[in-house]
Amino acid sequence: MREATILHADLDAFFASVEQRDDPALRGRPVIVGMGVVLAASYEARAFGVHSAMSGGRARQLCPHAVVVRPRMSAYSEASKAVYGLFEHHSPLVEGLSIDEAFIDVRGLERIAGSPAEIAARLRRDVRERVGLPLTVGVACTKYLAKVASGVAKPDGLLVVPPGGERAFLHPLPVERLWGVGPVTARKLRERGLVTVGRVAQVPEAALVAMLGRAVGRHLHALAHNRDPRRVRTGRRRGSIGSQCALGRSRRSPGEVDAILLGLVERVTGRMRKAQRVGRTVVLRVRFDDFTRATRSHTLPQPTAETARILAVARGLLASLDPVVRRRGLTLVGVAVANLDDDPPLQLPLPLDPSAGGALDAAVDEIRDRYGRDALRRAVLLHRPSGIEMPLLPD
């Protein structure tokens, strides 16, 4: 029997908690971070139905007395670095999922640090006392179950699922607790009377595959039986780098959408070059006025981080959706580059092209690194807000 030595540590309402930490007047009050779109909401605001990704107007309707603050990404990045420092102080095996959550493996530390529950309690206390933020921790024998436990324990809690008690804990939970079950999958399951994880566990794998497709069906069948062999992995680099922009409900001209697309591609390729990564697959994601989504992708023959090459592909992908966009409008555009690899030493493709290799990108990056991101901007992006750049874990 596997021991419960995996911790899932998750900061509560991270952005909002940082704001409440730094401004005592906000403590105990509903706080919304983000003006046009909600980036984070304190638990006091969540009690009124406010949640992340909601429009700011809708959030203010639900909670008119909320305090709305502008995001401070540098403050969130610094807080994340401090918290991750404490994670790594308690165990060398830390797998970051985002800037505010991580898996931590504490196996083998009993003699020097105590039981996993004791380590989790000490970690929560250290984060509260040294960084000033609430942390919820779930402890279990698998990564999946530890994440579920932290979700159940929120906010500011600690929950240990003891070995042998996994199914008794997991099976009464609603199907939405299964990792990867969103609104569409949950509706399909509930329409068939599968309202709890235990009911899903009673369905044969073949029936789930027929209902949900091969990948999702097999995935949910395994999780419902708490089968998750994954170990905590350190030093894992991200598989894609992306950025997106919500456009609101007002119609945008093709020129405005193209300028937004250009800004997103510049941001993504700049991040790639800073991380010394190149990629082959360009992915475009859009959301229409009716909130349906579409994804298009194209894989290049050679990996690149050049803005011009990736922008050309992204523009082609967006053009392929033009008839749909004209009919149904556009409320969100996102660009990502996947199939990432380390940036190899420069080797020009044949025939030799002196303009290849991103010399222009390198010059722009150097100027921006030295004088700030807004020191050099494309003319089409002048007088346009650069948007919010979400902080990322170091790659």
Protein backbone atom coordinates (compact mmCIF):
# COMPACT_ATOMS: atom_id res chain seq x y z
CA MET A 1 0.00 0.00 0.00
CA ARG A 2 1.38 3.38 -1.01
CA GLU A 3 1.98 5.90 1.74
CA ALA A 4 0.28 9.28 1.84
CA THR A 5 3.43 11.32 1.19
CA ILE A 6 2.36 13.62 -1.66
CA LEU A 7 1.30 17.15 -0.78
CA HIS A 8 -0.68 19.48 -3.01
CA ALA A 9 -0.06 23.01 -1.74
CA ASP A 10 -2.34 25.73 -3.11
CA LEU A 11 -2.41 29.40 -2.14
CA ASP A 12 -5.96 30.62 -1.50
CA ALA A 13 -7.35 33.31 -3.84
CA PHE A 14 -3.71 34.21 -4.48
CA PHE A 15 -3.89 37.65 -6.11
CA ALA A 16 -6.67 38.80 -3.80
CA SER A 17 -4.84 37.46 -0.73
CA VAL A 18 -1.73 39.44 -1.66
CA GLU A 19 -3.85 42.59 -1.93
CA GLN A 20 -5.42 41.94 1.48
CA ARG A 21 -2.01 41.24 2.98
CA ASP A 22 -0.55 44.49 1.68
CA ASP A 23 -3.56 46.69 2.51
CA PRO A 24 -5.04 45.98 5.97
CA ALA A 25 -8.15 47.99 5.03
CA LEU A 26 -9.08 45.21 2.56
CA ARG A 27 -9.00 42.37 5.08
CA GLY A 28 -12.38 40.79 5.66
CA ARG A 29 -13.88 42.69 2.73
CA PRO A 30 -14.87 41.38 -0.73
CA VAL A 31 -11.98 42.11 -3.08
CA ILE A 32 -11.95 41.77 -6.87
CA VAL A 33 -8.64 41.90 -8.73
CA GLY A 34 -8.96 43.08 -12.33
CA MET A 35 -10.98 45.79 -14.00
CA GLY A 36 -12.46 44.43 -17.25
CA VAL A 37 -12.16 40.75 -16.38
CA VAL A 38 -11.93 39.24 -12.89
CA LEU A 39 -8.46 37.76 -12.39
CA ALA A 40 -9.09 36.78 -8.78
CA ALA A 41 -11.75 37.21 -6.11
CA SER A 42 -11.40 36.95 -2.35
CA TYR A 43 -13.55 34.39 -0.57
CA GLU A 44 -15.68 37.23 0.73
CA ALA A 45 -16.48 38.12 -2.90
CA ARG A 46 -16.89 34.49 -3.94
CA ALA A 47 -19.71 34.19 -1.40
CA PHE A 48 -21.72 36.43 -3.75
CA GLY A 49 -21.00 34.28 -6.81
CA VAL A 50 -18.00 36.20 -8.15
CA HIS A 51 -15.31 34.04 -9.75
CA SER A 52 -12.25 34.42 -11.95
CA ALA A 53 -12.74 34.95 -15.72
CA MET A 54 -16.09 36.66 -15.04
CA SER A 55 -16.66 40.06 -16.63
CA GLY A 56 -16.03 42.97 -14.30
CA GLY A 57 -19.51 44.35 -14.94
CA ARG A 58 -21.20 41.10 -13.95
CA ALA A 59 -19.01 40.83 -10.86
CA ARG A 60 -19.99 44.32 -9.72
CA GLN A 61 -23.67 43.47 -10.24
CA LEU A 62 -23.34 40.43 -7.99
CA CYS A 63 -21.26 42.23 -5.37
CA PRO A 64 -21.75 46.00 -5.71
CA HIS A 65 -19.92 46.75 -2.45
CA ALA A 66 -16.75 44.90 -3.52
CA VAL A 67 -13.43 46.73 -3.65
CA VAL A 68 -12.00 46.49 -7.19
CA VAL A 69 -8.22 46.81 -7.44
CA ARG A 70 -5.82 46.87 -10.36
CA PRO A 71 -3.50 43.84 -10.56
CA ARG A 72 0.12 44.21 -9.42
CA MET A 73 1.95 41.41 -11.20
CA SER A 74 5.34 42.25 -9.71
CA ALA A 75 3.94 41.83 -6.19
CA TYR A 76 2.43 38.46 -7.09
CA SER A 77 5.69 37.28 -8.64
CA GLU A 78 7.66 38.23 -5.52
CA ALA A 79 5.17 36.48 -3.26
CA SER A 80 5.32 33.36 -5.42
CA LYS A 81 9.12 33.28 -5.27
CA ALA A 82 9.04 33.55 -1.48
CA VAL A 83 6.48 30.74 -1.17
CA TYR A 84 8.39 28.46 -3.53
CA GLY A 85 11.49 29.09 -1.46
CA LEU A 86 9.62 27.66 1.54
CA PHE A 87 8.37 24.70 -0.53
CA GLU A 88 11.95 23.82 -1.46
CA HIS A 89 13.10 24.33 2.14
CA HIS A 90 10.72 21.60 3.28
CA SER A 91 11.46 19.09 0.49
CA PRO A 92 13.82 18.83 -2.50
CA LEU A 93 11.02 17.27 -4.59
CA VAL A 94 8.80 20.16 -5.72
CA GLU A 95 6.84 20.15 -8.98
CA GLY A 96 5.38 23.55 -9.77
CA LEU A 97 1.99 23.64 -11.49
CA SER A 98 1.58 27.42 -11.54
CA ILE A 99 2.82 30.40 -9.56
CA ASP A 100 0.42 29.56 -6.72
CA GLU A 101 0.33 25.76 -6.49
CA ALA A 102 2.73 22.82 -6.45
CA PHE A 103 3.06 19.14 -5.69
CA ILE A 104 5.59 18.30 -2.96
CA ASP A 105 6.87 14.77 -2.23
CA VAL A 106 7.97 14.29 1.39
CA ARG A 107 8.67 10.56 1.35
CA GLY A 108 11.74 9.57 3.32
CA LEU A 109 11.69 12.69 5.49
CA GLU A 110 9.93 11.21 8.52
CA ARG A 111 13.05 10.90 10.67
CA ILE A 112 14.29 14.43 10.11
CA ALA A 113 11.03 16.34 9.57
CA GLY A 114 8.17 14.28 10.98
CA SER A 115 5.10 12.77 9.37
CA PRO A 116 3.63 14.18 6.13
CA ALA A 117 0.79 15.74 8.14
CA GLU A 118 3.29 17.43 10.45
CA ILE A 119 5.32 18.71 7.50
CA ALA A 120 2.15 20.05 5.86
CA ALA A 121 1.09 21.83 9.05
CA ARG A 122 4.55 23.36 9.48
CA LEU A 123 4.58 24.46 5.84
CA ARG A 124 1.22 26.19 6.20
CA ARG A 125 2.44 27.96 9.34
CA ASP A 126 5.68 29.09 7.69
CA VAL A 127 3.88 30.48 4.65
CA ARG A 128 1.45 32.35 6.89
CA GLU A 129 4.14 33.77 9.20
CA ARG A 130 6.91 34.50 6.67
CA VAL A 131 4.94 35.47 3.56
CA GLY A 132 1.64 36.46 5.14
CA LEU A 133 -0.58 34.32 2.92
CA PRO A 134 -3.08 31.50 3.58
CA LEU A 135 -2.14 28.10 2.16
CA THR A 136 -4.29 25.01 1.80
CA VAL A 137 -2.63 21.59 1.67
CA GLY A 138 -4.01 18.19 0.72
CA VAL A 139 -2.02 15.05 1.59
CA ALA A 140 -2.59 11.69 -0.10
CA CYS A 141 -0.88 8.75 -1.78
CA THR A 142 -1.40 10.06 -5.33
CA LYS A 143 -1.06 13.44 -6.98
CA TYR A 144 -4.66 13.38 -8.13
CA LEU A 145 -6.06 12.61 -4.69
CA ALA A 146 -3.83 15.20 -3.02
CA LYS A 147 -5.22 17.85 -5.39
CA VAL A 148 -8.79 16.77 -4.68
CA ALA A 149 -8.08 16.87 -0.93
CA SER A 150 -6.76 20.44 -1.10
CA GLY A 151 -9.84 21.48 -3.07
CA VAL A 152 -12.13 20.01 -0.42
CA ALA A 153 -10.09 21.59 2.39
CA LYS A 154 -10.23 25.15 0.99
CA PRO A 155 -9.94 27.81 2.17
CA ASP A 156 -6.96 27.84 4.53
CA GLY A 157 -7.22 24.17 5.46
CA LEU A 158 -5.33 20.90 5.76
CA LEU A 159 -6.79 17.53 4.82
CA VAL A 160 -5.01 14.17 4.97
CA VAL A 161 -6.47 11.16 3.14
CA PRO A 162 -5.04 8.18 5.05
CA PRO A 163 -3.88 5.03 3.23
CA GLY A 164 -6.83 2.66 2.95
CA GLY A 165 -9.36 5.49 3.20
CA GLU A 166 -9.06 6.74 -0.37
CA ARG A 167 -12.31 5.36 -1.76
CA ALA A 168 -14.32 6.30 1.33
CA PHE A 169 -13.14 9.89 0.81
CA LEU A 170 -13.34 10.01 -2.97
CA HIS A 171 -16.53 8.18 -3.94
CA PRO A 172 -19.13 10.43 -2.21
CA LEU A 173 -17.74 13.53 -3.96
CA PRO A 174 -19.57 15.10 -6.95
CA VAL A 175 -18.31 14.19 -10.41
CA GLU A 176 -16.96 17.72 -10.87
CA ARG A 177 -14.15 16.80 -8.45
CA LEU A 178 -12.69 14.41 -11.04
CA TRP A 179 -9.64 16.08 -12.54
CA GLY A 180 -10.52 17.18 -16.06
CA VAL A 181 -14.32 17.17 -15.70
CA GLY A 182 -15.63 20.50 -16.93
CA PRO A 183 -19.20 21.69 -17.42
CA VAL A 184 -19.75 19.76 -20.69
CA THR A 185 -18.47 16.42 -19.37
CA ALA A 186 -20.26 16.91 -16.05
CA ARG A 187 -23.55 17.48 -17.88
CA LYS A 188 -23.10 14.27 -19.91
CA LEU A 189 -22.40 12.30 -16.75
CA ARG A 190 -25.26 13.80 -14.75
CA GLU A 191 -27.74 13.22 -17.58
CA ARG A 192 -27.00 9.50 -17.11
CA GLY A 193 -27.40 9.64 -13.34
CA LEU A 194 -23.66 9.62 -12.66
CA VAL A 195 -23.63 12.38 -10.05
CA THR A 196 -20.86 11.13 -7.75
CA VAL A 197 -17.38 9.72 -8.27
CA GLY A 198 -18.60 6.44 -6.75
CA ARG A 199 -21.28 6.10 -9.42
CA VAL A 200 -18.68 6.72 -12.14
CA ALA A 201 -16.49 4.02 -10.59
CA GLN A 202 -19.32 1.51 -11.01
CA VAL A 203 -19.47 2.04 -14.79
CA PRO A 204 -17.28 -0.28 -16.91
CA GLU A 205 -14.42 1.42 -18.70
CA ALA A 206 -15.82 0.45 -22.11
CA ALA A 207 -19.11 2.20 -21.31
CA LEU A 208 -17.32 5.40 -20.28
CA VAL A 209 -15.25 5.28 -23.48
CA ALA A 210 -18.44 4.91 -25.56
CA MET A 211 -19.99 7.82 -23.67
CA LEU A 212 -17.08 10.27 -23.56
CA GLY A 213 -14.46 9.09 -26.03
CA ARG A 214 -11.40 6.90 -25.60
CA ALA A 215 -9.04 9.35 -23.88
CA VAL A 216 -11.54 10.94 -21.49
CA GLY A 217 -13.33 7.68 -20.70
CA ARG A 218 -10.14 5.82 -19.78
CA HIS A 219 -8.85 8.84 -17.83
CA LEU A 220 -11.99 9.17 -15.69
CA HIS A 221 -12.25 5.43 -15.09
CA ALA A 222 -8.71 5.40 -13.72
CA LEU A 223 -9.24 8.44 -11.50
CA ALA A 224 -12.54 7.14 -10.13
CA HIS A 225 -10.57 4.10 -8.91
CA ASN A 226 -7.71 6.34 -7.67
CA ARG A 227 -5.25 4.96 -10.18
CA ASP A 228 -2.60 7.62 -10.71
CA PRO A 229 0.97 6.27 -10.97
CA ARG A 230 2.58 9.67 -11.65
CA ARG A 231 5.42 10.72 -9.38
CA VAL A 232 6.34 14.24 -8.40
CA ARG A 233 8.76 15.41 -11.07
CA THR A 234 11.24 18.21 -10.57
CA GLY A 235 12.83 20.31 -13.27
CA ARG A 236 10.04 19.67 -15.76
CA ARG A 237 9.86 22.41 -18.37
CA ARG A 238 6.57 23.65 -19.76
CA GLY A 239 5.29 22.10 -22.96
CA SER A 240 3.88 25.30 -24.45
CA ILE A 241 4.01 29.06 -24.03
CA GLY A 242 0.94 31.14 -24.77
CA SER A 243 -1.05 34.30 -24.12
CA GLN A 244 -4.63 35.38 -24.69
CA CYS A 245 -6.74 38.52 -24.73
CA ALA A 246 -10.45 38.95 -23.93
CA LEU A 247 -12.04 41.32 -26.43
CA GLY A 248 -15.38 42.05 -24.75
CA ARG A 249 -18.72 41.96 -26.53
CA SER A 250 -18.18 44.97 -28.82
CA ARG A 251 -17.35 44.16 -32.43
CA ARG A 252 -13.73 44.70 -33.50
CA SER A 253 -12.57 45.58 -36.99
CA PRO A 254 -10.20 43.14 -38.77
CA GLY A 255 -7.40 45.68 -38.29
CA GLU A 256 -8.01 45.84 -34.53
CA VAL A 257 -8.06 42.05 -34.24
CA ASP A 258 -4.84 41.79 -36.26
CA ALA A 259 -3.14 44.32 -33.98
CA ILE A 260 -4.22 42.31 -30.93
CA LEU A 261 -2.93 39.12 -32.58
CA LEU A 262 0.40 40.82 -33.29
CA GLY A 263 0.72 41.91 -29.66
CA LEU A 264 0.01 38.37 -28.45
CA VAL A 265 2.57 36.83 -30.82
CA GLU A 266 5.21 39.36 -29.75
CA ARG A 267 4.56 38.53 -26.11
CA VAL A 268 4.72 34.77 -26.69
CA THR A 269 7.85 34.81 -28.84
CA GLY A 270 9.56 37.22 -26.42
CA ARG A 271 8.92 34.77 -23.58
CA MET A 272 10.25 31.92 -25.72
CA ARG A 273 13.48 33.71 -26.52
CA LYS A 274 13.95 34.73 -22.90
CA ALA A 275 13.57 31.08 -21.88
CA GLN A 276 15.82 29.99 -24.78
CA ARG A 277 13.08 27.82 -26.26
CA VAL A 278 11.92 27.21 -29.82
CA GLY A 279 8.73 25.53 -30.97
CA ARG A 280 7.13 23.97 -34.02
CA THR A 281 3.37 24.02 -33.46
CA VAL A 282 1.43 27.30 -33.51
CA VAL A 283 -1.99 27.07 -31.84
CA LEU A 284 -4.76 29.64 -32.21
CA ARG A 285 -7.72 29.60 -29.80
CA VAL A 286 -10.78 31.80 -30.19
CA ARG A 287 -14.09 32.26 -28.39
CA PHE A 288 -17.20 33.48 -30.18
CA ASP A 289 -20.08 35.66 -28.98
CA ASP A 290 -22.13 32.57 -28.04
CA PHE A 291 -19.20 31.40 -25.83
CA THR A 292 -18.41 28.43 -28.06
CA ARG A 293 -14.73 27.96 -28.84
CA ALA A 294 -12.56 26.85 -31.72
CA THR A 295 -8.92 25.79 -31.95
CA ARG A 296 -6.69 25.66 -35.00
CA SER A 297 -3.04 24.64 -35.21
CA HIS A 298 -0.22 24.31 -37.72
CA THR A 299 3.13 22.56 -37.30
CA LEU A 300 6.19 24.09 -38.93
CA PRO A 301 8.92 21.98 -40.54
CA GLN A 302 11.57 23.64 -38.34
CA PRO A 303 11.32 24.95 -34.76
CA THR A 304 11.54 28.70 -34.33
CA ALA A 305 11.02 31.58 -31.92
CA GLU A 306 10.99 34.26 -34.63
CA THR A 307 8.11 36.69 -34.32
CA ALA A 308 7.62 37.13 -38.08
CA ARG A 309 7.36 33.40 -38.84
CA ILE A 310 4.98 32.62 -36.01
CA LEU A 311 2.88 35.71 -36.75
CA ALA A 312 2.47 34.63 -40.38
CA VAL A 313 1.16 31.24 -39.27
CA ALA A 314 -1.16 32.75 -36.65
CA ARG A 315 -2.60 35.15 -39.22
CA GLY A 316 -3.24 32.25 -41.59
CA LEU A 317 -5.03 30.30 -38.87
CA LEU A 318 -7.19 33.29 -38.01
CA ALA A 319 -8.00 33.85 -41.70
CA SER A 320 -9.26 30.26 -41.93
CA LEU A 321 -11.88 31.15 -39.29
CA ASP A 322 -12.90 34.42 -40.92
CA PRO A 323 -16.32 33.26 -42.21
CA VAL A 324 -17.27 31.98 -38.74
CA VAL A 325 -15.98 35.13 -37.04
CA ARG A 326 -18.04 37.33 -39.37
CA ARG A 327 -21.21 35.41 -38.46
CA ARG A 328 -20.68 34.84 -34.75
CA GLY A 329 -18.35 37.58 -33.56
CA LEU A 330 -15.20 37.23 -31.49
CA THR A 331 -14.76 37.68 -27.73
CA LEU A 332 -11.34 36.11 -27.10
CA VAL A 333 -8.14 35.41 -29.03
CA GLY A 334 -5.27 33.29 -27.76
CA VAL A 335 -1.96 32.19 -29.27
CA ALA A 336 0.37 29.47 -28.04
CA VAL A 337 3.45 27.73 -29.36
CA ALA A 338 3.83 24.04 -28.48
CA ASN A 339 6.26 21.21 -29.23
CA LEU A 340 8.92 23.25 -27.47
CA ASP A 341 12.58 22.38 -27.41
CA ASP A 342 15.77 24.03 -26.23
CA ASP A 343 17.06 26.69 -28.61
CA PRO A 344 19.95 25.02 -30.49
CA PRO A 345 23.07 26.82 -31.73
CA LEU A 346 22.21 29.01 -34.71
CA GLN A 347 22.38 27.16 -38.04
CA LEU A 348 20.99 28.89 -41.11
CA PRO A 349 18.78 26.72 -43.34
CA LEU A 350 19.69 26.18 -46.97
CA PRO A 351 19.62 28.21 -49.09
CA LEU A 352 21.52 30.49 -46.76
CA ASP A 353 19.36 33.45 -45.78
CA PRO A 354 21.20 36.31 -44.08
CA SER A 355 17.90 37.58 -42.65
CA ALA A 356 17.20 34.27 -40.91
CA GLY A 357 17.99 33.67 -37.28
CA GLY A 358 15.97 36.47 -35.74
CA ALA A 359 18.57 39.25 -35.71
CA LEU A 360 15.78 41.84 -35.58
CA ASP A 361 14.10 40.02 -32.69
CA ALA A 362 17.40 39.85 -30.82
CA ALA A 363 17.95 43.59 -31.23
CA VAL A 364 14.42 44.42 -30.07
CA ASP A 365 14.80 42.10 -27.07
CA GLU A 366 18.06 43.75 -26.05
CA ILE A 367 16.56 47.25 -26.19
CA ARG A 368 13.51 46.19 -24.18
CA ASP A 369 15.63 44.38 -21.60
CA ARG A 370 17.75 47.48 -21.12
CA TYR A 371 15.15 50.26 -21.26
CA GLY A 372 11.82 48.54 -20.52
CA ARG A 373 9.16 46.81 -22.58
CA ASP A 374 7.55 50.04 -23.81
CA ALA A 375 10.84 51.57 -25.00
CA LEU A 376 10.27 50.12 -28.47
CA ARG A 377 6.84 49.36 -29.89
CA ARG A 378 5.43 48.61 -33.31
CA ALA A 379 3.56 51.55 -34.80
CA VAL A 380 0.30 49.61 -35.02
CA LEU A 381 0.43 49.01 -31.26
CA LEU A 382 1.02 52.65 -30.29
CA HIS A 383 -1.66 54.09 -28.00
CA ARG A 384 -3.04 50.60 -27.39
CA PRO A 385 -2.92 49.16 -23.87
CA SER A 386 -0.37 46.37 -23.69
CA GLY A 387 -2.70 44.28 -21.55
CA ILE A 388 -1.96 42.24 -18.46
CA GLU A 389 1.02 39.91 -18.64
CA MET A 390 0.43 37.06 -16.23
CA PRO A 391 3.48 35.99 -14.22
CA LEU A 392 4.87 32.53 -14.98
CA LEU A 393 6.98 30.03 -13.13
CA PRO A 394 10.64 30.05 -14.19
CA ASP A 395 11.01 27.64 -17.12
